[in-house]
C-alpha cells in the first residue's frame, strides 16, 4: 500500500522554527515528485514547496521563499520541510503529497497529486 505520513508539526512562537517530515512507504520516495501543501481554516489548500525526482529541482511559493527549505533523504525515503522565521500566517495543516507522472510545470497544483498524507498541524503564536 502506498502511504505518506507527515510528522513534526506543533506550536511555536513567531520567529521560531520547525522541521516537518514526510515518510513514504510502499514506494521509493526519490522516484516521484513530492510536494508540501498547507490549508488554513476557511482557505483553499495552497502549494508551499515541491521537489523533483529527476534533478532535485525545487519550487517555493513566494510567501515562503528564503524561509522554508525542502530536502530529501532517499536512504530514509523521507522528504523534509525546514521552516524558519515562522509567522502567524504560516499557521495551517501541512500536507505532503506524491505525484506519479505530471510535468514539473503542473506540480504547483494540488490537483496534480495522486497520494496524500493525513496532515500535521503547525500553529505559530504571535
Foldseek 3Di string as FASTA:
>chain_A
DWAKAKDWADEAAQQAKIKMKIAIPPDQLLLWKKWKWWDDPPDDIFTAKIFGSPPRDMDGDPVQPPFWDWDDDRVRSMIMIIGGSDDQVVWTWMKMFTADDDDPVCVRDPVRTDHIHPTDTHGYHD
